[in-house]
Amino acid sequence: MSSQQSPTSPVPAQLDDLRSFLDASPSPWHAAANAAGRLASAGFRELPAEQAWPGAPTSGFVHRGASLVAWTHVGGSADNGTRLPPLRVVGAHTDSPCLRLKPRPDTAAAGWQQLAVEVYGGVLLNSWLDRDLGIAGSVVLRDRSEHLVRIDGPVARVPQLAIHLDRGVNDRGLVLDPQQHMTPVWGAGGAPADFGAWLAADLGVEPDDIAAWDLSLFDVTPSAIIGPAGDLLASGRLDNQVSCWAATTALLAAHDASADAEPGIAVIALFDHEEVGSESATGAAGPLLEHVAERLALAAGADRRAFLAQLASSTCVSADNAHSVHPNYADRHEPGHRPLVNRGPAIKLNHNQRYATSPKTSALLQACFDAAGVPWQVFVSRNNMPCGSTIGPITATRLGIDTVDVGVPQLSMHSARELCGTHDPCWLATGLAAYFADRR
């Protein structure tokens, strides 16, 4: 099953906006902050998670760490606290596999100053070799203030062993030990450099002022539209910041056109820690989305019975990128379900519940995409090649919300630099806006 449509010229403003989002989000902390900034500029009001809410704005958000939950009422609001409009949730995740600095990163070997890193998530290790790497993330000072850090200049590099010293590498394949072979160099010298002092100088504080950090290395190469037709997009963190951008863009569209939609509450949930299982205070397996949804119900004057009824009538779109068929490894795909780039988002199905799509939710999303003129495809993994999972089954299990999984097809998933089509992200944003406004 699919809805085929020939690619049309992508909207330049959307592509420029997507690239701006990607380039401005070298870490999950930045991705959440950028989404929050866009919402605040559009009139959404931030509410503190650590304080009680006597009420709630019709458009608002909670920003916690590298996660964000935002909402806007579309077409109406609660009915005197006795009947709540359904939630239309789009979930995505801000984090990507990467190399993260350890708390004591200073090390040296064989005349090279190095930085000790921890591998985060399912990293394609070879993709991080011989890249100019910057540093980005969050730093907490001893006064407990939090500061976003972004150092765009090339700081470090993981050098590959020369072929002269590994002449069989092209025959037997490259084998990398994450502890032994992935330690970046960032200077020449027999003694370790002082990373903390260098970071403090960049922040304009004293080294002793720094209490802790969550800092990632990232490829400093900006996103790029490539190919003679300009129909491919290369960037770091496409998985899953493309979906974060599409969700935020769709929510802003719903905010602007709220009067034209069926009564409901459009919600986006951008979670951290999906790449490592989602089990955290700000991951999809944590209570963040549930707590925000219940707080909104309580602020509307509803009781728990009304809130549980609201959940039963609600739906969720789990937006996370899909595997496009690889031209050099086409045998790795199920023959009848091979998503192609620039043929629309792929609805993802797995009866073993690695994805949460059901016939009912698939039909819902198909109808929304069709109404918006968005083509779509279907992805199913081979029986002998288990698929990954998403926040979809986690959200469905935690909240009991009917859920569908969908994503932009891409190549090089979990690489330091990934590849997708230029049309599909824009189609996903359009399709999610149609889902928020669905009248069925």
Protein backbone atom coordinates (compact mmCIF):
# COMPACT_ATOMS: atom_id res chain seq x y z
CA MET A 1 0.00 0.00 0.00
CA SER A 2 1.16 3.50 -0.74
CA SER A 3 0.02 6.85 -1.98
CA GLN A 4 2.33 7.70 -4.86
CA GLN A 5 3.02 11.22 -6.03
CA SER A 6 5.84 12.59 -8.13
CA PRO A 7 8.11 14.92 -6.17
CA THR A 8 7.34 18.56 -6.62
CA SER A 9 9.77 21.40 -6.02
CA PRO A 10 10.25 21.74 -2.26
CA VAL A 11 9.35 25.00 -0.61
CA PRO A 12 12.66 26.89 -0.25
CA ALA A 13 11.56 28.65 2.90
CA GLN A 14 10.77 25.33 4.58
CA LEU A 15 14.09 23.81 3.59
CA ASP A 16 15.98 26.86 4.75
CA ASP A 17 14.07 26.73 8.02
CA LEU A 18 14.80 23.03 8.49
CA ARG A 19 18.49 23.55 7.80
CA SER A 20 18.56 26.46 10.25
CA PHE A 21 17.02 24.22 12.91
CA LEU A 22 19.51 21.41 12.26
CA ASP A 23 22.54 23.70 12.21
CA ALA A 24 21.39 25.44 15.40
CA SER A 25 20.89 22.13 17.26
CA PRO A 26 24.25 20.39 17.73
CA SER A 27 22.99 18.72 20.91
CA PRO A 28 19.61 17.60 22.29
CA TRP A 29 19.77 20.51 24.72
CA HIS A 30 19.95 22.92 21.80
CA ALA A 31 17.17 21.16 19.90
CA ALA A 32 14.75 21.55 22.82
CA ALA A 33 15.85 25.16 23.39
CA ASN A 34 15.38 26.02 19.73
CA ALA A 35 11.89 24.55 19.69
CA ALA A 36 11.08 26.49 22.87
CA GLY A 37 12.38 29.71 21.32
CA ARG A 38 10.22 29.29 18.23
CA LEU A 39 7.13 28.64 20.32
CA ALA A 40 7.78 31.57 22.65
CA SER A 41 8.19 33.88 19.65
CA ALA A 42 4.76 32.75 18.41
CA GLY A 43 3.07 33.60 21.72
CA PHE A 44 3.24 30.26 23.54
CA ARG A 45 3.75 30.76 27.26
CA GLU A 46 6.25 28.68 29.21
CA LEU A 47 5.01 27.13 32.45
CA PRO A 48 7.45 25.94 35.15
CA ALA A 49 7.30 22.22 35.80
CA GLU A 50 8.31 22.69 39.44
CA GLN A 51 5.35 24.95 40.34
CA ALA A 52 1.63 24.32 40.66
CA TRP A 53 -0.55 25.62 37.81
CA PRO A 54 -3.72 27.38 38.96
CA GLY A 55 -4.61 27.57 35.26
CA ALA A 56 -3.03 27.00 31.89
CA PRO A 57 -2.85 29.09 28.71
CA THR A 58 -4.48 27.83 25.56
CA SER A 59 -0.99 27.71 24.02
CA GLY A 60 1.96 26.88 26.22
CA PHE A 61 4.92 24.62 26.85
CA VAL A 62 7.06 22.97 29.50
CA HIS A 63 10.80 22.92 28.79
CA ARG A 64 12.74 20.53 30.97
CA GLY A 65 16.39 19.81 30.19
CA ALA A 66 16.66 18.46 26.65
CA SER A 67 12.92 17.71 26.46
CA LEU A 68 9.84 19.78 25.74
CA VAL A 69 6.07 19.29 25.79
CA ALA A 70 3.92 21.97 24.13
CA TRP A 71 0.25 22.36 23.33
CA THR A 72 -2.33 24.57 21.70
CA HIS A 73 -6.12 24.31 21.79
CA VAL A 74 -7.62 23.92 18.33
CA GLY A 75 -11.26 24.46 17.50
CA GLY A 76 -12.43 24.68 21.11
CA SER A 77 -11.57 23.89 24.72
CA ALA A 78 -12.83 21.90 27.68
CA ASP A 79 -16.59 21.81 28.29
CA ASN A 80 -16.92 23.09 31.87
CA GLY A 81 -14.50 20.43 33.08
CA THR A 82 -16.90 17.55 32.39
CA ARG A 83 -15.81 16.61 28.89
CA LEU A 84 -12.30 17.22 27.66
CA PRO A 85 -11.39 17.47 23.98
CA PRO A 86 -9.07 14.70 22.74
CA LEU A 87 -5.33 15.12 22.66
CA ARG A 88 -3.65 14.86 19.26
CA VAL A 89 -0.06 14.11 20.18
CA VAL A 90 3.04 14.07 17.99
CA GLY A 91 6.04 12.56 19.70
CA ALA A 92 9.69 12.72 18.62
CA HIS A 93 13.11 12.69 20.26
CA THR A 94 15.86 15.27 20.50
CA ASP A 95 18.86 13.00 21.08
CA SER A 96 21.10 11.27 18.52
CA PRO A 97 23.89 8.70 18.87
CA CYS A 98 27.20 10.48 19.47
CA LEU A 99 30.37 10.71 21.53
CA ARG A 100 30.00 12.41 24.91
CA LEU A 101 32.75 13.75 27.13
CA LYS A 102 33.45 11.93 30.34
CA PRO A 103 33.55 13.89 33.64
CA ARG A 104 37.34 13.62 33.72
CA PRO A 105 38.26 13.78 30.04
CA ASP A 106 41.93 14.76 30.27
CA THR A 107 44.24 12.06 28.98
CA ALA A 108 47.34 11.69 26.81
CA ALA A 109 49.21 8.97 24.95
CA ALA A 110 52.25 8.76 22.67
CA GLY A 111 52.72 12.52 22.54
CA TRP A 112 49.05 13.32 21.85
CA GLN A 113 46.62 15.13 24.12
CA GLN A 114 43.25 13.38 24.06
CA LEU A 115 39.70 13.63 25.40
CA ALA A 116 38.05 10.63 27.03
CA VAL A 117 34.55 10.04 25.64
CA GLU A 118 31.61 7.75 26.29
CA VAL A 119 29.77 6.25 23.34
CA TYR A 120 26.11 7.30 23.55
CA GLY A 121 23.53 5.09 21.81
CA GLY A 122 23.98 2.86 18.78
CA VAL A 123 26.73 4.84 17.06
CA LEU A 124 28.12 3.93 13.64
CA LEU A 125 31.63 4.30 15.01
CA ASN A 126 33.45 4.48 11.68
CA SER A 127 31.40 7.53 10.66
CA TRP A 128 33.10 9.59 13.39
CA LEU A 129 36.60 9.02 12.07
CA ASP A 130 38.55 11.89 10.50
CA ARG A 131 35.86 14.52 11.10
CA ASP A 132 36.39 17.99 12.55
CA LEU A 133 34.48 17.95 15.80
CA GLY A 134 33.03 20.76 17.90
CA ILE A 135 31.57 20.56 21.39
CA ALA A 136 28.02 21.37 22.50
CA GLY A 137 25.65 20.70 25.37
CA SER A 138 24.85 21.90 28.86
CA VAL A 139 27.11 23.01 31.71
CA VAL A 140 25.94 23.42 35.31
CA LEU A 141 27.86 25.79 37.58
CA ARG A 142 28.22 25.45 41.32
CA ASP A 143 25.51 28.05 41.80
CA ARG A 144 23.29 25.50 39.95
CA SER A 145 22.74 27.76 36.99
CA GLU A 146 22.60 25.94 33.63
CA HIS A 147 24.32 27.24 30.51
CA LEU A 148 24.12 26.08 26.91
CA VAL A 149 27.56 25.64 25.36
CA ARG A 150 28.31 25.58 21.66
CA ILE A 151 31.86 25.65 20.34
CA ASP A 152 31.65 25.56 16.56
CA GLY A 153 35.34 25.71 15.79
CA PRO A 154 37.07 22.37 15.16
CA VAL A 155 38.27 21.20 18.56
CA ALA A 156 38.94 17.47 18.27
CA ARG A 157 39.32 14.62 15.80
CA VAL A 158 39.27 10.81 15.93
CA PRO A 159 42.05 9.85 13.51
CA GLN A 160 41.84 6.60 11.58
CA LEU A 161 44.84 4.30 11.34
CA ALA A 162 46.69 4.74 8.02
CA ILE A 163 46.18 1.95 5.51
CA HIS A 164 49.97 1.43 5.45
CA LEU A 165 49.64 0.16 9.03
CA ASP A 166 46.44 -1.81 8.41
CA ARG A 167 46.75 -3.11 4.87
CA GLY A 168 43.98 -5.69 5.16
CA VAL A 169 41.32 -3.24 6.32
CA ASN A 170 39.53 -3.10 2.96
CA ASP A 171 39.36 -6.90 2.77
CA ARG A 172 38.35 -7.87 6.27
CA GLY A 173 36.48 -4.69 7.23
CA LEU A 174 37.20 -2.05 9.84
CA VAL A 175 36.88 -3.23 13.43
CA LEU A 176 36.76 -0.53 16.11
CA ASP A 177 36.92 -1.00 19.86
CA PRO A 178 34.91 1.86 21.42
CA GLN A 179 37.28 2.15 24.39
CA GLN A 180 40.59 1.76 22.56
CA HIS A 181 40.02 3.34 19.15
CA MET A 182 37.49 6.18 19.63
CA THR A 183 39.44 8.55 21.90
CA PRO A 184 39.79 11.88 20.02
CA VAL A 185 42.97 13.89 19.84
CA TRP A 186 42.81 17.62 20.49
CA GLY A 187 46.41 18.66 20.84
CA ALA A 188 50.06 17.65 20.79
CA GLY A 189 51.91 17.12 24.05
CA GLY A 190 53.11 14.52 26.46
CA ALA A 191 50.93 15.66 29.36
CA PRO A 192 47.11 15.91 29.35
CA ALA A 193 45.64 19.35 28.71
CA ASP A 194 43.16 20.89 31.14
CA PHE A 195 39.77 20.69 29.47
CA GLY A 196 37.95 22.20 32.45
CA ALA A 197 40.13 25.31 32.38
CA TRP A 198 39.70 25.64 28.61
CA LEU A 199 35.91 25.30 28.93
CA ALA A 200 35.79 27.80 31.81
CA ALA A 201 37.65 30.35 29.70
CA ASP A 202 35.10 29.93 26.93
CA LEU A 203 32.27 30.43 29.44
CA GLY A 204 33.97 33.37 31.11
CA VAL A 205 34.03 31.72 34.54
CA GLU A 206 36.65 30.20 36.81
CA PRO A 207 37.42 26.47 36.48
CA ASP A 208 36.22 25.84 40.04
CA ASP A 209 32.86 27.37 39.12
CA ILE A 210 32.01 24.38 36.91
CA ALA A 211 30.18 21.58 38.73
CA ALA A 212 29.22 19.20 35.91
CA TRP A 213 28.44 18.96 32.21
CA ASP A 214 26.62 17.00 29.53
CA LEU A 215 28.69 17.74 26.43
CA SER A 216 28.64 16.04 23.04
CA LEU A 217 31.08 16.09 20.18
CA PHE A 218 29.49 16.99 16.84
CA ASP A 219 30.59 17.27 13.23
CA VAL A 220 30.99 20.98 12.55
CA THR A 221 30.10 20.58 8.84
CA PRO A 222 26.78 22.40 8.30
CA SER A 223 23.79 20.77 6.64
CA ALA A 224 23.85 20.79 2.85
CA ILE A 225 21.51 20.26 -0.08
CA ILE A 226 23.36 17.98 -2.48
CA GLY A 227 22.95 16.40 -5.91
CA PRO A 228 22.54 18.02 -9.36
CA ALA A 229 18.78 18.35 -8.79
CA GLY A 230 19.16 19.54 -5.20
CA ASP A 231 16.87 16.76 -4.02
CA LEU A 232 18.97 15.32 -1.18
CA LEU A 233 19.71 16.71 2.28
CA ALA A 234 22.85 15.75 4.20
CA SER A 235 23.28 16.63 7.86
CA GLY A 236 24.08 15.35 11.28
CA ARG A 237 21.20 14.39 13.59
CA LEU A 238 18.52 13.94 10.92
CA ASP A 239 17.41 11.12 13.21
CA ASN A 240 15.46 12.56 14.84
CA GLN A 241 15.67 16.34 14.65
CA VAL A 242 13.85 16.27 11.31
CA SER A 243 10.80 15.01 13.23
CA CYS A 244 11.31 17.58 16.00
CA TRP A 245 11.32 20.33 13.38
CA ALA A 246 8.28 18.90 11.59
CA ALA A 247 6.34 18.55 14.85
CA THR A 248 7.16 22.10 15.96
CA THR A 249 6.32 23.49 12.51
CA ALA A 250 2.99 21.64 12.50
CA LEU A 251 2.11 22.87 16.01
CA LEU A 252 2.79 26.46 14.98
CA ALA A 253 0.53 25.96 11.96
CA ALA A 254 -2.19 24.55 14.23
CA HIS A 255 -1.79 27.56 16.51
CA ASP A 256 -2.30 29.94 13.59
CA ALA A 257 -5.32 28.05 12.21
CA SER A 258 -6.87 26.77 15.42
CA ALA A 259 -10.37 28.07 14.69
CA ASP A 260 -10.65 25.94 11.55
CA ALA A 261 -10.01 22.61 13.26
CA GLU A 262 -12.15 20.05 15.04
CA PRO A 263 -12.08 20.68 18.82
CA GLY A 264 -9.00 19.14 20.35
CA ILE A 265 -5.64 19.89 21.92
CA ALA A 266 -2.62 19.64 19.62
CA VAL A 267 0.42 18.45 21.58
CA ILE A 268 4.06 17.84 20.73
CA ALA A 269 6.35 15.84 23.01
CA LEU A 270 10.05 16.09 22.19
CA PHE A 271 11.80 13.58 24.45
CA ASP A 272 15.41 13.01 25.39
CA HIS A 273 17.14 9.62 25.80
CA GLU A 274 15.24 7.66 23.11
CA GLU A 275 18.51 6.32 21.74
CA VAL A 276 19.31 4.64 25.07
CA GLY A 277 15.87 3.27 25.96
CA SER A 278 13.82 6.33 27.04
CA GLU A 279 13.97 5.42 30.73
CA SER A 280 14.63 8.75 32.41
CA ALA A 281 12.76 11.66 33.97
CA THR A 282 12.68 13.37 30.55
CA GLY A 283 12.40 10.28 28.35
CA ALA A 284 9.24 8.82 26.85
CA ALA A 285 9.15 6.08 29.49
CA GLY A 286 9.08 8.76 32.20
CA PRO A 287 6.03 10.71 33.38
CA LEU A 288 6.67 14.05 31.63
CA LEU A 289 3.94 13.85 28.97
CA GLU A 290 1.43 12.21 31.32
CA HIS A 291 1.99 14.83 33.99
CA VAL A 292 1.59 17.74 31.57
CA ALA A 293 -1.59 16.23 30.13
CA GLU A 294 -3.07 15.69 33.59
CA ARG A 295 -2.13 19.20 34.66
CA LEU A 296 -3.93 20.59 31.63
CA ALA A 297 -7.01 18.58 32.56
CA LEU A 298 -6.91 19.79 36.15
CA ALA A 299 -6.41 23.38 35.03
CA ALA A 300 -9.55 23.03 32.92
CA GLY A 301 -11.51 22.00 36.03
CA ALA A 302 -11.77 18.32 35.13
CA ASP A 303 -11.43 15.38 37.50
CA ARG A 304 -9.48 12.17 36.96
CA ARG A 305 -12.48 10.39 35.45
CA ALA A 306 -12.67 13.02 32.73
CA PHE A 307 -8.90 12.85 32.23
CA LEU A 308 -8.93 9.08 31.74
CA ALA A 309 -11.82 9.42 29.28
CA GLN A 310 -9.79 12.05 27.42
CA LEU A 311 -6.84 9.68 27.09
CA ALA A 312 -9.09 6.94 25.72
CA SER A 313 -10.31 9.31 22.99
CA SER A 314 -6.83 10.63 22.15
CA THR A 315 -4.29 9.58 19.52
CA CYS A 316 -0.54 9.84 19.06
CA VAL A 317 1.76 10.00 16.05
CA SER A 318 5.23 8.73 16.88
CA ALA A 319 7.48 10.50 14.36
CA ASP A 320 10.90 8.91 13.96
CA ASN A 321 12.90 8.41 10.78
CA ALA A 322 12.61 5.23 8.72
CA HIS A 323 15.12 3.21 6.72
CA SER A 324 15.08 4.00 3.02
CA VAL A 325 16.13 1.13 0.78
CA HIS A 326 19.90 1.30 0.25
CA PRO A 327 20.92 0.90 -3.41
CA ASN A 328 24.05 -1.04 -2.47
CA TYR A 329 22.29 -3.27 0.08
CA ALA A 330 18.79 -3.68 -1.32
CA ASP A 331 18.68 -7.26 0.00
CA ARG A 332 18.45 -5.91 3.56
CA HIS A 333 14.85 -4.79 2.96
CA GLU A 334 11.57 -6.68 2.83
CA PRO A 335 10.89 -6.94 -0.94
CA GLY A 336 7.36 -5.50 -0.82
CA HIS A 337 8.12 -2.69 1.63
CA ARG A 338 11.06 -0.63 0.42
CA PRO A 339 10.62 3.07 1.21
CA LEU A 340 12.28 5.48 -1.22
CA VAL A 341 13.38 9.03 -0.54
CA ASN A 342 11.14 11.78 -1.90
CA ARG A 343 8.14 9.47 -2.08
CA GLY A 344 6.58 10.57 1.19
CA PRO A 345 6.83 9.61 4.89
CA ALA A 346 6.75 5.89 5.69
CA ILE A 347 4.09 4.45 8.01
CA LYS A 348 5.95 1.84 10.06
CA LEU A 349 4.37 -1.46 11.05
CA ASN A 350 5.62 -4.32 13.24
CA HIS A 351 3.23 -6.92 14.66
CA ASN A 352 5.76 -7.71 17.40
CA GLN A 353 5.06 -4.20 18.71
CA ARG A 354 8.42 -2.64 17.98
CA TYR A 355 6.17 -0.05 16.35
CA ALA A 356 2.72 0.85 17.74
CA THR A 357 0.82 1.15 14.44
CA SER A 358 -2.57 -0.57 14.30
CA PRO A 359 -5.01 -0.83 11.36
CA LYS A 360 -7.12 1.90 12.97
CA THR A 361 -4.28 4.35 13.48
CA SER A 362 -2.76 3.61 10.08
CA ALA A 363 -6.10 4.43 8.44
CA LEU A 364 -6.28 7.66 10.46
CA LEU A 365 -2.89 8.87 9.31
CA GLN A 366 -3.45 7.77 5.72
CA ALA A 367 -6.65 9.84 5.64
CA CYS A 368 -4.89 12.90 7.10
CA PHE A 369 -2.03 12.64 4.61
CA ASP A 370 -4.39 12.08 1.68
CA ALA A 371 -6.48 15.12 2.65
CA ALA A 372 -3.33 17.26 2.71
CA GLY A 373 -1.99 15.88 -0.59
CA VAL A 374 0.94 14.20 1.18
CA PRO A 375 2.17 10.92 -0.35
CA TRP A 376 2.95 8.06 2.02
CA GLN A 377 4.60 4.66 2.04
CA VAL A 378 4.65 1.58 4.30
CA PHE A 379 7.72 0.10 5.97
CA VAL A 380 8.00 -3.44 7.36
CA SER A 381 11.28 -5.12 8.32
CA ARG A 382 12.50 -8.48 7.07
CA ASN A 383 11.72 -11.46 9.32
CA ASN A 384 15.43 -12.23 9.64
CA MET A 385 16.40 -8.65 10.46
CA PRO A 386 14.75 -7.36 13.65
CA CYS A 387 13.87 -3.67 13.56
CA GLY A 388 14.59 -1.04 16.13
CA SER A 389 11.88 0.60 18.17
CA THR A 390 10.59 4.10 18.90
CA ILE A 391 8.75 6.08 21.54
CA GLY A 392 5.50 4.85 19.96
CA PRO A 393 5.07 1.59 21.88
CA ILE A 394 6.30 3.28 25.06
CA THR A 395 3.75 6.11 24.81
CA ALA A 396 0.95 3.71 23.89
CA THR A 397 1.78 1.50 26.86
CA ARG A 398 2.21 4.30 29.37
CA LEU A 399 -0.88 6.34 28.45
CA GLY A 400 -3.13 3.86 26.66
CA ILE A 401 -3.30 6.14 23.61
CA ASP A 402 -3.87 4.70 20.13
CA THR A 403 -0.58 5.34 18.30
CA VAL A 404 0.85 5.22 14.79
CA ASP A 405 4.54 5.23 13.87
CA VAL A 406 5.74 7.22 10.85
CA GLY A 407 9.03 8.66 9.66
CA VAL A 408 11.02 10.26 6.88
CA PRO A 409 13.02 7.64 4.90
CA GLN A 410 16.77 8.11 5.19
CA LEU A 411 20.14 6.46 4.62
CA SER A 412 23.11 6.23 7.02
CA MET A 413 20.97 6.17 10.16
CA HIS A 414 23.08 6.66 13.31
CA SER A 415 25.99 7.99 11.29
CA ALA A 416 27.68 11.24 12.23
CA ARG A 417 26.22 12.54 8.96
CA GLU A 418 22.97 11.20 7.52
CA LEU A 419 21.07 11.54 4.24
CA CYS A 420 17.40 12.01 3.30
CA GLY A 421 15.34 13.59 0.53
CA THR A 422 14.48 17.28 0.50
CA HIS A 423 10.76 16.71 -0.10
CA ASP A 424 9.90 14.24 2.66
CA PRO A 425 10.55 16.47 5.73
CA CYS A 426 8.29 19.17 4.28
CA TRP A 427 5.61 16.60 3.50
CA LEU A 428 5.86 15.27 7.05
CA ALA A 429 5.32 18.76 8.50
CA THR A 430 2.31 19.28 6.22
CA GLY A 431 0.87 15.88 7.10
CA LEU A 432 1.26 16.45 10.84
CA ALA A 433 -0.50 19.81 10.55
CA ALA A 434 -3.38 18.01 8.82
CA TYR A 435 -3.45 15.47 11.67
CA PHE A 436 -3.73 18.27 14.22
CA ALA A 437 -6.69 19.72 12.27
CA ASP A 438 -8.37 16.37 11.50
CA ARG A 439 -12.16 16.51 11.64
CA ARG A 440 -12.79 12.75 11.67
